[in-house]
Amino acid sequence: MKLPKMENPQRYSGLYIVDFGDHSGVGFLAEEVAELLESEQYAHITIYKIHRAYPDGTLEIRGVRRETFQLESGMFFYAEDENTARGDYDRLAECPKQIDPPARAKLHLAQLPSGQYLTALIYPAEYEEEFGRWLLDCEYRTAGPAAGGISQVELYYRQNPTVLERKQLFNSQSVAFRGQMLLEAAKKAVVR
């Protein structure tokens, strides 16, 4: 895979490289990669995430499985009672006012059939690391135990919780290419 020369390569950390076979493109958002994978034309692509980029153009990249873009991951914060869970939920709902979340996410205040209360933060699996950092940056704290990961999301849905309150969190900075604009961007060596 041959990558283009990039100006200011550090700004590409956290973005994706897509190897289309006959060329590659640098600077895709996760949402764009997911949309490309949904198209029949680009179902064969190979995806890499840029973890670090250095001023000399050197990149630290890691391959990403296609399936990752179809999965959800999450963090689940358990509480002893509804008031504690509601406090966790309210504090987490305030975090986007301080720092944009890395991507769109679902926030639930829920009660499990067992009677236990929890706050659930569910997001695209490809943003696992970014949401972990975001929670640290927001200095989010909870009193009870926490669990996270793809398997925890599956368990949460299987338990059929009663959602008492829900909210969507959005990244205000994320402007993804869609439709025809994305198909045009796929032809470029440097997308952003």
N, C-alpha and C. Protein backbone atom coordinates (compact mmCIF):
# COMPACT_ATOMS: atom_id res chain seq x y z
N MET A 1 0.86 -1.17 0.00
CA MET A 1 0.00 0.00 0.00
C MET A 1 0.90 1.23 0.00
N LYS A 2 0.67 2.08 -0.94
CA LYS A 2 1.44 3.33 -1.05
C LYS A 2 0.56 4.48 -0.55
N LEU A 3 1.11 5.23 0.39
CA LEU A 3 0.38 6.36 0.96
C LEU A 3 0.89 7.66 0.37
N PRO A 4 0.00 8.63 0.22
CA PRO A 4 0.42 9.93 -0.31
C PRO A 4 1.20 10.72 0.72
N LYS A 5 1.96 11.69 0.27
CA LYS A 5 2.63 12.62 1.17
C LYS A 5 1.56 13.54 1.74
N MET A 6 1.59 13.70 3.06
CA MET A 6 0.58 14.51 3.73
C MET A 6 1.21 15.73 4.37
N GLU A 7 0.53 16.86 4.23
CA GLU A 7 0.94 18.05 4.95
C GLU A 7 0.33 17.98 6.34
N ASN A 8 1.11 18.32 7.35
CA ASN A 8 0.62 18.33 8.72
C ASN A 8 0.05 16.97 9.13
N PRO A 9 0.84 15.91 9.06
CA PRO A 9 0.33 14.55 9.29
C PRO A 9 -0.26 14.31 10.68
N GLN A 10 0.14 15.08 11.69
CA GLN A 10 -0.38 14.86 13.05
C GLN A 10 -1.90 15.01 13.11
N ARG A 11 -2.47 15.78 12.21
CA ARG A 11 -3.92 15.98 12.26
C ARG A 11 -4.70 14.75 11.80
N TYR A 12 -3.99 13.73 11.32
CA TYR A 12 -4.64 12.51 10.85
C TYR A 12 -4.74 11.43 11.94
N SER A 13 -4.16 11.67 13.10
CA SER A 13 -4.27 10.71 14.21
C SER A 13 -5.74 10.49 14.53
N GLY A 14 -6.12 9.22 14.66
CA GLY A 14 -7.50 8.88 14.96
C GLY A 14 -8.38 8.68 13.74
N LEU A 15 -7.88 9.06 12.57
CA LEU A 15 -8.63 8.87 11.33
C LEU A 15 -8.24 7.53 10.69
N TYR A 16 -8.83 7.23 9.57
CA TYR A 16 -8.64 5.93 8.94
C TYR A 16 -8.02 6.04 7.55
N ILE A 17 -7.27 5.00 7.22
CA ILE A 17 -6.74 4.81 5.87
C ILE A 17 -7.56 3.68 5.26
N VAL A 18 -7.99 3.87 4.03
CA VAL A 18 -8.73 2.83 3.32
C VAL A 18 -7.90 2.41 2.11
N ASP A 19 -7.61 1.11 2.05
CA ASP A 19 -6.91 0.54 0.90
C ASP A 19 -7.97 -0.02 -0.04
N PHE A 20 -8.13 0.61 -1.19
CA PHE A 20 -9.15 0.22 -2.16
C PHE A 20 -8.65 -0.86 -3.12
N GLY A 21 -7.37 -1.24 -3.00
CA GLY A 21 -6.79 -2.22 -3.90
C GLY A 21 -5.91 -1.55 -4.93
N ASP A 22 -6.50 -0.69 -5.75
CA ASP A 22 -5.73 0.01 -6.78
C ASP A 22 -5.19 1.35 -6.30
N HIS A 23 -5.67 1.84 -5.18
CA HIS A 23 -5.18 3.09 -4.56
C HIS A 23 -5.61 3.08 -3.09
N SER A 24 -5.12 4.04 -2.34
CA SER A 24 -5.52 4.18 -0.95
C SER A 24 -5.92 5.63 -0.68
N GLY A 25 -6.73 5.82 0.35
CA GLY A 25 -7.17 7.14 0.75
C GLY A 25 -6.92 7.33 2.23
N VAL A 26 -6.46 8.51 2.60
CA VAL A 26 -6.13 8.82 3.99
C VAL A 26 -7.07 9.91 4.49
N GLY A 27 -7.58 9.73 5.72
CA GLY A 27 -8.35 10.79 6.37
C GLY A 27 -9.83 10.53 6.47
N PHE A 28 -10.26 9.28 6.43
CA PHE A 28 -11.67 8.97 6.55
C PHE A 28 -12.11 8.92 8.01
N LEU A 29 -13.32 9.35 8.27
CA LEU A 29 -13.95 9.19 9.58
C LEU A 29 -14.53 7.79 9.67
N ALA A 30 -14.75 7.31 10.89
CA ALA A 30 -15.32 5.97 11.09
C ALA A 30 -16.68 5.84 10.42
N GLU A 31 -17.50 6.88 10.49
CA GLU A 31 -18.83 6.84 9.87
C GLU A 31 -18.71 6.64 8.36
N GLU A 32 -17.71 7.26 7.77
CA GLU A 32 -17.51 7.14 6.33
C GLU A 32 -17.05 5.73 5.96
N VAL A 33 -16.15 5.16 6.76
CA VAL A 33 -15.70 3.79 6.51
C VAL A 33 -16.88 2.85 6.60
N ALA A 34 -17.72 3.03 7.61
CA ALA A 34 -18.90 2.16 7.77
C ALA A 34 -19.81 2.26 6.56
N GLU A 35 -20.01 3.47 6.04
CA GLU A 35 -20.87 3.64 4.87
C GLU A 35 -20.23 3.01 3.63
N LEU A 36 -18.93 3.14 3.48
CA LEU A 36 -18.25 2.49 2.35
C LEU A 36 -18.43 0.97 2.41
N LEU A 37 -18.29 0.41 3.60
CA LEU A 37 -18.43 -1.04 3.77
C LEU A 37 -19.84 -1.53 3.44
N GLU A 38 -20.82 -0.67 3.61
CA GLU A 38 -22.20 -1.05 3.30
C GLU A 38 -22.46 -1.10 1.80
N SER A 39 -21.61 -0.44 1.02
CA SER A 39 -21.82 -0.45 -0.43
C SER A 39 -21.20 -1.69 -1.04
N GLU A 40 -21.85 -2.22 -2.03
CA GLU A 40 -21.34 -3.40 -2.73
C GLU A 40 -20.01 -3.09 -3.42
N GLN A 41 -19.90 -1.90 -3.94
CA GLN A 41 -18.70 -1.48 -4.67
C GLN A 41 -17.44 -1.53 -3.80
N TYR A 42 -17.56 -1.23 -2.51
CA TYR A 42 -16.39 -1.14 -1.64
C TYR A 42 -16.39 -2.18 -0.51
N ALA A 43 -17.11 -3.24 -0.67
CA ALA A 43 -17.18 -4.28 0.36
C ALA A 43 -15.83 -4.97 0.58
N HIS A 44 -14.90 -4.87 -0.37
CA HIS A 44 -13.61 -5.56 -0.33
C HIS A 44 -12.50 -4.74 0.34
N ILE A 45 -12.75 -3.51 0.72
CA ILE A 45 -11.68 -2.63 1.19
C ILE A 45 -10.99 -3.16 2.44
N THR A 46 -9.75 -2.70 2.62
CA THR A 46 -8.98 -3.00 3.83
C THR A 46 -8.84 -1.70 4.60
N ILE A 47 -9.01 -1.76 5.92
CA ILE A 47 -9.07 -0.56 6.74
C ILE A 47 -7.95 -0.56 7.78
N TYR A 48 -7.37 0.62 7.97
CA TYR A 48 -6.34 0.82 8.98
C TYR A 48 -6.68 2.08 9.76
N LYS A 49 -6.39 2.06 11.05
CA LYS A 49 -6.59 3.24 11.87
C LYS A 49 -5.23 3.86 12.17
N ILE A 50 -5.15 5.17 12.05
CA ILE A 50 -3.92 5.90 12.35
C ILE A 50 -3.92 6.21 13.85
N HIS A 51 -2.99 5.58 14.57
CA HIS A 51 -2.91 5.83 16.01
C HIS A 51 -2.02 7.01 16.34
N ARG A 52 -0.93 7.12 15.65
CA ARG A 52 -0.03 8.26 15.84
C ARG A 52 0.53 8.67 14.49
N ALA A 53 0.74 9.96 14.36
CA ALA A 53 1.36 10.49 13.15
C ALA A 53 2.44 11.47 13.59
N TYR A 54 3.58 11.38 12.95
CA TYR A 54 4.73 12.20 13.34
C TYR A 54 5.01 13.26 12.27
N PRO A 55 5.67 14.35 12.65
CA PRO A 55 5.93 15.44 11.71
C PRO A 55 6.66 15.00 10.43
N ASP A 56 7.48 13.95 10.52
CA ASP A 56 8.20 13.49 9.33
C ASP A 56 7.33 12.65 8.39
N GLY A 57 6.05 12.46 8.74
CA GLY A 57 5.13 11.70 7.90
C GLY A 57 5.01 10.23 8.29
N THR A 58 5.81 9.79 9.26
CA THR A 58 5.73 8.41 9.73
C THR A 58 4.41 8.21 10.46
N LEU A 59 3.75 7.09 10.18
CA LEU A 59 2.46 6.79 10.80
C LEU A 59 2.53 5.47 11.56
N GLU A 60 1.88 5.42 12.70
CA GLU A 60 1.65 4.16 13.40
C GLU A 60 0.21 3.79 13.10
N ILE A 61 0.03 2.67 12.38
CA ILE A 61 -1.31 2.25 11.99
C ILE A 61 -1.59 0.84 12.48
N ARG A 62 -2.89 0.52 12.57
CA ARG A 62 -3.31 -0.82 12.97
C ARG A 62 -4.48 -1.21 12.09
N GLY A 63 -4.45 -2.45 11.60
CA GLY A 63 -5.56 -2.97 10.82
C GLY A 63 -6.81 -3.08 11.65
N VAL A 64 -7.95 -2.81 11.04
CA VAL A 64 -9.24 -2.87 11.72
C VAL A 64 -10.14 -3.84 10.96
N ARG A 65 -10.71 -4.79 11.67
CA ARG A 65 -11.62 -5.75 11.04
C ARG A 65 -12.89 -5.06 10.56
N ARG A 66 -13.40 -5.48 9.42
CA ARG A 66 -14.64 -4.91 8.88
C ARG A 66 -15.80 -5.01 9.88
N GLU A 67 -15.86 -6.14 10.57
CA GLU A 67 -16.96 -6.39 11.49
C GLU A 67 -17.06 -5.35 12.59
N THR A 68 -15.94 -4.75 12.92
CA THR A 68 -15.91 -3.73 13.98
C THR A 68 -16.87 -2.59 13.67
N PHE A 69 -17.04 -2.29 12.40
CA PHE A 69 -17.88 -1.16 12.00
C PHE A 69 -19.37 -1.50 12.03
N GLN A 70 -19.69 -2.73 12.40
CA GLN A 70 -21.09 -3.15 12.51
C GLN A 70 -21.48 -3.43 13.95
N LEU A 71 -20.56 -3.27 14.88
CA LEU A 71 -20.79 -3.62 16.27
C LEU A 71 -20.94 -2.38 17.15
N GLU A 72 -21.60 -2.59 18.28
CA GLU A 72 -21.68 -1.55 19.29
C GLU A 72 -20.88 -2.00 20.50
N SER A 73 -20.29 -1.04 21.16
CA SER A 73 -19.62 -1.30 22.43
C SER A 73 -20.24 -0.34 23.44
N GLY A 74 -19.84 -0.46 24.69
CA GLY A 74 -20.43 0.44 25.66
C GLY A 74 -19.80 0.34 27.03
N MET A 75 -20.20 1.26 27.87
CA MET A 75 -19.81 1.28 29.27
C MET A 75 -21.11 1.30 30.08
N PHE A 76 -21.13 0.48 31.14
CA PHE A 76 -22.32 0.33 31.96
C PHE A 76 -21.93 0.60 33.41
N PHE A 77 -22.62 1.57 34.00
CA PHE A 77 -22.33 2.01 35.36
C PHE A 77 -23.50 1.61 36.25
N TYR A 78 -23.25 0.66 37.14
CA TYR A 78 -24.30 0.10 37.99
C TYR A 78 -24.43 0.89 39.28
N ALA A 79 -25.67 0.94 39.81
CA ALA A 79 -25.93 1.71 41.02
C ALA A 79 -26.83 0.91 41.97
N GLU A 80 -26.77 1.25 43.24
CA GLU A 80 -27.56 0.57 44.26
C GLU A 80 -29.03 0.95 44.21
N ASP A 81 -29.31 2.18 43.77
CA ASP A 81 -30.70 2.64 43.76
C ASP A 81 -30.92 3.60 42.60
N GLU A 82 -32.18 3.96 42.37
CA GLU A 82 -32.52 4.81 41.24
C GLU A 82 -31.92 6.21 41.37
N ASN A 83 -31.90 6.78 42.59
CA ASN A 83 -31.35 8.13 42.76
C ASN A 83 -29.87 8.18 42.40
N THR A 84 -29.11 7.18 42.81
CA THR A 84 -27.68 7.13 42.49
C THR A 84 -27.50 6.97 40.99
N ALA A 85 -28.28 6.09 40.39
CA ALA A 85 -28.20 5.88 38.94
C ALA A 85 -28.57 7.16 38.19
N ARG A 86 -29.58 7.85 38.66
CA ARG A 86 -29.99 9.10 38.01
C ARG A 86 -28.88 10.15 38.13
N GLY A 87 -28.19 10.19 39.25
CA GLY A 87 -27.05 11.11 39.39
C GLY A 87 -25.95 10.77 38.40
N ASP A 88 -25.66 9.47 38.25
CA ASP A 88 -24.66 9.04 37.25
C ASP A 88 -25.09 9.46 35.85
N TYR A 89 -26.35 9.22 35.53
CA TYR A 89 -26.89 9.56 34.22
C TYR A 89 -26.79 11.07 33.97
N ASP A 90 -27.23 11.86 34.93
CA ASP A 90 -27.21 13.32 34.78
C ASP A 90 -25.79 13.85 34.59
N ARG A 91 -24.83 13.31 35.36
CA ARG A 91 -23.44 13.76 35.22
C ARG A 91 -22.90 13.40 33.84
N LEU A 92 -23.22 12.22 33.36
CA LEU A 92 -22.75 11.79 32.04
C LEU A 92 -23.43 12.61 30.94
N ALA A 93 -24.69 12.95 31.12
CA ALA A 93 -25.41 13.77 30.14
C ALA A 93 -24.82 15.18 30.05
N GLU A 94 -24.16 15.64 31.11
CA GLU A 94 -23.55 16.97 31.11
C GLU A 94 -22.18 16.99 30.44
N CYS A 95 -21.52 15.85 30.33
CA CYS A 95 -20.17 15.80 29.77
C CYS A 95 -20.04 16.44 28.39
N PRO A 96 -21.00 16.23 27.46
CA PRO A 96 -20.85 16.85 26.13
C PRO A 96 -20.85 18.37 26.16
N LYS A 97 -21.33 18.97 27.24
CA LYS A 97 -21.28 20.43 27.35
C LYS A 97 -19.85 20.91 27.61
N GLN A 98 -19.02 20.03 28.21
CA GLN A 98 -17.62 20.35 28.47
C GLN A 98 -16.74 19.96 27.28
N ILE A 99 -16.91 18.71 26.83
CA ILE A 99 -16.05 18.14 25.78
C ILE A 99 -16.93 17.33 24.85
N ASP A 100 -16.80 17.57 23.56
CA ASP A 100 -17.56 16.80 22.58
C ASP A 100 -17.26 15.31 22.71
N PRO A 101 -18.27 14.45 22.67
CA PRO A 101 -17.98 13.02 22.62
C PRO A 101 -17.33 12.69 21.28
N PRO A 102 -16.57 11.60 21.20
CA PRO A 102 -15.88 11.26 19.96
C PRO A 102 -16.81 10.94 18.80
N ALA A 103 -18.01 10.48 19.10
CA ALA A 103 -18.98 10.09 18.06
C ALA A 103 -20.37 10.11 18.68
N ARG A 104 -21.34 9.81 17.86
CA ARG A 104 -22.71 9.70 18.35
C ARG A 104 -22.80 8.52 19.31
N ALA A 105 -23.59 8.69 20.36
CA ALA A 105 -23.75 7.63 21.36
C ALA A 105 -25.14 7.68 21.95
N LYS A 106 -25.56 6.53 22.47
CA LYS A 106 -26.84 6.44 23.19
C LYS A 106 -26.54 6.45 24.68
N LEU A 107 -27.32 7.20 25.41
CA LEU A 107 -27.21 7.25 26.86
C LEU A 107 -28.55 6.81 27.44
N HIS A 108 -28.53 5.78 28.27
CA HIS A 108 -29.76 5.26 28.89
C HIS A 108 -29.64 5.26 30.40
N LEU A 109 -30.73 5.62 31.06
CA LEU A 109 -30.93 5.34 32.47
C LEU A 109 -31.91 4.18 32.47
N ALA A 110 -31.51 3.04 33.02
CA ALA A 110 -32.33 1.84 32.87
C ALA A 110 -32.42 1.04 34.15
N GLN A 111 -33.44 0.20 34.18
CA GLN A 111 -33.60 -0.76 35.27
C GLN A 111 -33.67 -2.15 34.65
N LEU A 112 -32.85 -3.05 35.19
CA LEU A 112 -32.82 -4.42 34.71
C LEU A 112 -33.98 -5.21 35.34
N PRO A 113 -34.38 -6.32 34.74
CA PRO A 113 -35.44 -7.14 35.35
C PRO A 113 -35.12 -7.57 36.78
N SER A 114 -33.84 -7.65 37.12
CA SER A 114 -33.43 -8.01 38.50
C SER A 114 -33.72 -6.90 39.50
N GLY A 115 -34.06 -5.71 39.00
CA GLY A 115 -34.31 -4.56 39.86
C GLY A 115 -33.14 -3.61 39.95
N GLN A 116 -31.97 -4.02 39.46
CA GLN A 116 -30.78 -3.18 39.53
C GLN A 116 -30.88 -2.03 38.52
N TYR A 117 -30.35 -0.86 38.93
CA TYR A 117 -30.35 0.33 38.08
C TYR A 117 -28.96 0.51 37.48
N LEU A 118 -28.94 1.14 36.29
CA LEU A 118 -27.66 1.42 35.66
C LEU A 118 -27.77 2.56 34.67
N THR A 119 -26.62 3.11 34.37
CA THR A 119 -26.49 4.10 33.30
C THR A 119 -25.69 3.42 32.21
N ALA A 120 -26.23 3.44 30.99
CA ALA A 120 -25.58 2.78 29.86
C ALA A 120 -25.15 3.82 28.84
N LEU A 121 -23.90 3.72 28.41
CA LEU A 121 -23.36 4.56 27.34
C LEU A 121 -22.99 3.60 26.21
N ILE A 122 -23.70 3.66 25.09
CA ILE A 122 -23.52 2.72 23.98
C ILE A 122 -23.11 3.50 22.74
N TYR A 123 -22.05 3.02 22.08
CA TYR A 123 -21.44 3.75 20.96
C TYR A 123 -20.89 2.77 19.94
N PRO A 124 -20.53 3.26 18.75
CA PRO A 124 -19.94 2.36 17.75
C PRO A 124 -18.63 1.76 18.27
N ALA A 125 -18.44 0.47 18.06
CA ALA A 125 -17.28 -0.24 18.61
C ALA A 125 -15.96 0.32 18.14
N GLU A 126 -15.93 0.91 16.97
CA GLU A 126 -14.66 1.44 16.47
C GLU A 126 -14.16 2.64 17.29
N TYR A 127 -14.99 3.15 18.19
CA TYR A 127 -14.61 4.28 19.04
C TYR A 127 -14.31 3.87 20.48
N GLU A 128 -14.01 2.61 20.70
CA GLU A 128 -13.76 2.09 22.05
C GLU A 128 -12.73 2.93 22.81
N GLU A 129 -11.57 3.09 22.23
CA GLU A 129 -10.49 3.83 22.90
C GLU A 129 -10.84 5.29 23.11
N GLU A 130 -11.46 5.88 22.10
CA GLU A 130 -11.79 7.30 22.17
C GLU A 130 -12.81 7.60 23.27
N PHE A 131 -13.80 6.71 23.43
CA PHE A 131 -14.77 6.94 24.50
C PHE A 131 -14.15 6.73 25.88
N GLY A 132 -13.21 5.81 26.00
CA GLY A 132 -12.49 5.65 27.26
C GLY A 132 -11.75 6.92 27.63
N ARG A 133 -11.04 7.51 26.66
CA ARG A 133 -10.32 8.77 26.89
C ARG A 133 -11.30 9.90 27.21
N TRP A 134 -12.42 9.92 26.49
CA TRP A 134 -13.41 10.98 26.70
C TRP A 134 -13.93 10.95 28.13
N LEU A 135 -14.23 9.77 28.64
CA LEU A 135 -14.70 9.66 30.03
C LEU A 135 -13.64 10.15 31.01
N LEU A 136 -12.38 9.84 30.73
CA LEU A 136 -11.29 10.33 31.58
C LEU A 136 -11.17 11.85 31.49
N ASP A 137 -11.23 12.38 30.27
CA ASP A 137 -11.13 13.83 30.07
C ASP A 137 -12.27 14.58 30.75
N CYS A 138 -13.46 13.97 30.75
CA CYS A 138 -14.62 14.58 31.42
C CYS A 138 -14.55 14.41 32.94
N GLU A 139 -13.57 13.62 33.39
CA GLU A 139 -13.42 13.30 34.81
C GLU A 139 -14.71 12.69 35.36
N TYR A 140 -15.31 11.82 34.56
CA TYR A 140 -16.54 11.15 34.97
C TYR A 140 -16.24 10.15 36.06
N ARG A 141 -17.02 10.22 37.12
CA ARG A 141 -16.87 9.31 38.26
C ARG A 141 -18.22 8.70 38.59
N THR A 142 -18.18 7.47 39.05
CA THR A 142 -19.39 6.78 39.48
C THR A 142 -19.07 6.03 40.77
N ALA A 143 -20.06 5.83 41.60
CA ALA A 143 -19.83 5.18 42.90
C ALA A 143 -19.84 3.66 42.80
N GLY A 144 -20.58 3.14 41.85
CA GLY A 144 -20.76 1.69 41.76
C GLY A 144 -19.81 1.03 40.79
N PRO A 145 -19.99 -0.27 40.60
CA PRO A 145 -19.14 -1.00 39.65
C PRO A 145 -19.47 -0.62 38.21
N ALA A 146 -18.50 -0.86 37.34
CA ALA A 146 -18.67 -0.56 35.92
C ALA A 146 -18.22 -1.76 35.10
N ALA A 147 -18.81 -1.91 33.94
CA ALA A 147 -18.43 -2.97 33.00
C ALA A 147 -18.47 -2.36 31.60
N GLY A 148 -17.71 -2.95 30.70
CA GLY A 148 -17.69 -2.41 29.36
C GLY A 148 -17.31 -3.42 28.31
N GLY A 149 -17.58 -3.05 27.07
CA GLY A 149 -17.20 -3.88 25.94
C GLY A 149 -18.38 -4.32 25.10
N ILE A 150 -18.06 -4.98 24.01
CA ILE A 150 -19.07 -5.46 23.07
C ILE A 150 -19.98 -6.49 23.72
N SER A 151 -19.40 -7.42 24.47
CA SER A 151 -20.21 -8.48 25.09
C SER A 151 -21.17 -7.90 26.12
N GLN A 152 -20.80 -6.81 26.77
CA GLN A 152 -21.67 -6.19 27.77
C GLN A 152 -22.89 -5.54 27.10
N VAL A 153 -22.70 -5.02 25.89
CA VAL A 153 -23.83 -4.45 25.14
C VAL A 153 -24.81 -5.56 24.79
N GLU A 154 -24.28 -6.67 24.30
CA GLU A 154 -25.13 -7.81 23.96
C GLU A 154 -25.90 -8.30 25.18
N LEU A 155 -25.22 -8.40 26.31
CA LEU A 155 -25.87 -8.83 27.56
C LEU A 155 -26.97 -7.85 27.96
N TYR A 156 -26.68 -6.57 27.86
CA TYR A 156 -27.65 -5.53 28.21
C TYR A 156 -28.92 -5.67 27.37
N TYR A 157 -28.77 -5.81 26.07
CA TYR A 157 -29.95 -5.95 25.20
C TYR A 157 -30.71 -7.25 25.48
N ARG A 158 -29.98 -8.33 25.75
CA ARG A 158 -30.64 -9.61 26.04
C ARG A 158 -31.48 -9.56 27.32
N GLN A 159 -31.06 -8.72 28.26
CA GLN A 159 -31.79 -8.61 29.53
C GLN A 159 -33.09 -7.81 29.40
N ASN A 160 -33.28 -7.18 28.24
CA ASN A 160 -34.49 -6.42 27.97
C ASN A 160 -34.80 -5.41 29.09
N PRO A 161 -33.90 -4.45 29.30
CA PRO A 161 -34.08 -3.50 30.39
C PRO A 161 -35.24 -2.54 30.14
N THR A 162 -35.74 -1.97 31.21
CA THR A 162 -36.72 -0.89 31.12
C THR A 162 -35.93 0.41 31.07
N VAL A 163 -36.01 1.11 29.96
CA VAL A 163 -35.28 2.38 29.82
C VAL A 163 -36.16 3.49 30.40
N LEU A 164 -35.67 4.09 31.48
CA LEU A 164 -36.40 5.13 32.18
C LEU A 164 -36.21 6.50 31.54
N GLU A 165 -35.02 6.69 30.99
CA GLU A 165 -34.70 7.95 30.33
C GLU A 165 -33.63 7.67 29.29
N ARG A 166 -33.66 8.38 28.17
CA ARG A 166 -32.68 8.18 27.11
C ARG A 166 -32.32 9.52 26.47
N LYS A 167 -31.12 9.53 25.93
CA LYS A 167 -30.62 10.75 25.28
C LYS A 167 -29.61 10.33 24.23
N GLN A 168 -29.55 11.07 23.13
CA GLN A 168 -28.51 10.88 22.12
C GLN A 168 -27.42 11.92 22.35
N LEU A 169 -26.19 11.48 22.32
CA LEU A 169 -25.05 12.39 22.41
C LEU A 169 -24.45 12.51 21.01
N PHE A 170 -24.05 13.71 20.64
CA PHE A 170 -23.50 13.95 19.30
C PHE A 170 -22.17 14.67 19.39
N ASN A 171 -21.34 14.44 18.39
CA ASN A 171 -20.10 15.18 18.22
C ASN A 171 -20.41 16.33 17.28
N SER A 172 -20.32 17.54 17.77
CA SER A 172 -20.69 18.71 16.96
C SER A 172 -19.67 19.00 15.86
N GLN A 173 -18.45 18.48 15.99
CA GLN A 173 -17.40 18.76 15.00
C GLN A 173 -17.40 17.79 13.82
N SER A 174 -18.03 16.64 13.99
CA SER A 174 -17.96 15.59 12.99
C SER A 174 -18.83 15.93 11.79
N VAL A 175 -18.19 16.13 10.66
CA VAL A 175 -18.90 16.37 9.42
C VAL A 175 -18.48 15.29 8.45
N ALA A 176 -19.30 14.27 8.35
CA ALA A 176 -18.97 13.14 7.49
C ALA A 176 -19.50 13.36 6.09
N PHE A 177 -18.74 12.87 5.11
CA PHE A 177 -19.22 12.86 3.73
C PHE A 177 -20.31 11.81 3.64
N ARG A 178 -21.33 12.06 2.86
CA ARG A 178 -22.43 11.12 2.66
C ARG A 178 -22.70 10.95 1.17
N GLY A 179 -23.24 9.79 0.83
CA GLY A 179 -23.72 9.53 -0.52
C GLY A 179 -22.69 9.80 -1.60
N GLN A 180 -23.08 10.61 -2.57
CA GLN A 180 -22.23 10.90 -3.72
C GLN A 180 -20.93 11.60 -3.31
N MET A 181 -21.00 12.47 -2.30
CA MET A 181 -19.78 13.15 -1.83
C MET A 181 -18.77 12.13 -1.32
N LEU A 182 -19.24 11.09 -0.62
CA LEU A 182 -18.35 10.05 -0.12
C LEU A 182 -17.74 9.25 -1.26
N LEU A 183 -18.53 8.93 -2.27
CA LEU A 183 -18.02 8.20 -3.43
C LEU A 183 -16.95 9.00 -4.15
N GLU A 184 -17.10 10.30 -4.21
CA GLU A 184 -16.08 11.17 -4.82
C GLU A 184 -14.82 11.22 -3.95
N ALA A 185 -15.01 11.29 -2.64
CA ALA A 185 -13.87 11.31 -1.71
C ALA A 185 -13.09 10.02 -1.79
N ALA A 186 -13.74 8.90 -2.06
CA ALA A 186 -13.08 7.60 -2.15
C ALA A 186 -12.08 7.53 -3.29
N LYS A 187 -12.18 8.44 -4.22
CA LYS A 187 -11.26 8.47 -5.36
C LYS A 187 -9.99 9.27 -5.05
N LYS A 188 -9.99 10.00 -3.95
CA LYS A 188 -8.88 10.87 -3.59
C LYS A 188 -7.85 10.15 -2.71
N ALA A 189 -6.60 10.59 -2.82
CA ALA A 189 -5.54 10.02 -1.98
C ALA A 189 -5.59 10.60 -0.56
N VAL A 190 -5.92 11.88 -0.44
CA VAL A 190 -6.06 12.53 0.86
C VAL A 190 -7.47 13.11 0.91
N VAL A 191 -8.26 12.62 1.85
CA VAL A 191 -9.67 12.97 1.92
C VAL A 191 -9.91 14.31 2.60
N ARG A 192 -9.20 14.58 3.69
CA ARG A 192 -9.39 15.82 4.45
C ARG A 192 -8.12 16.62 4.45
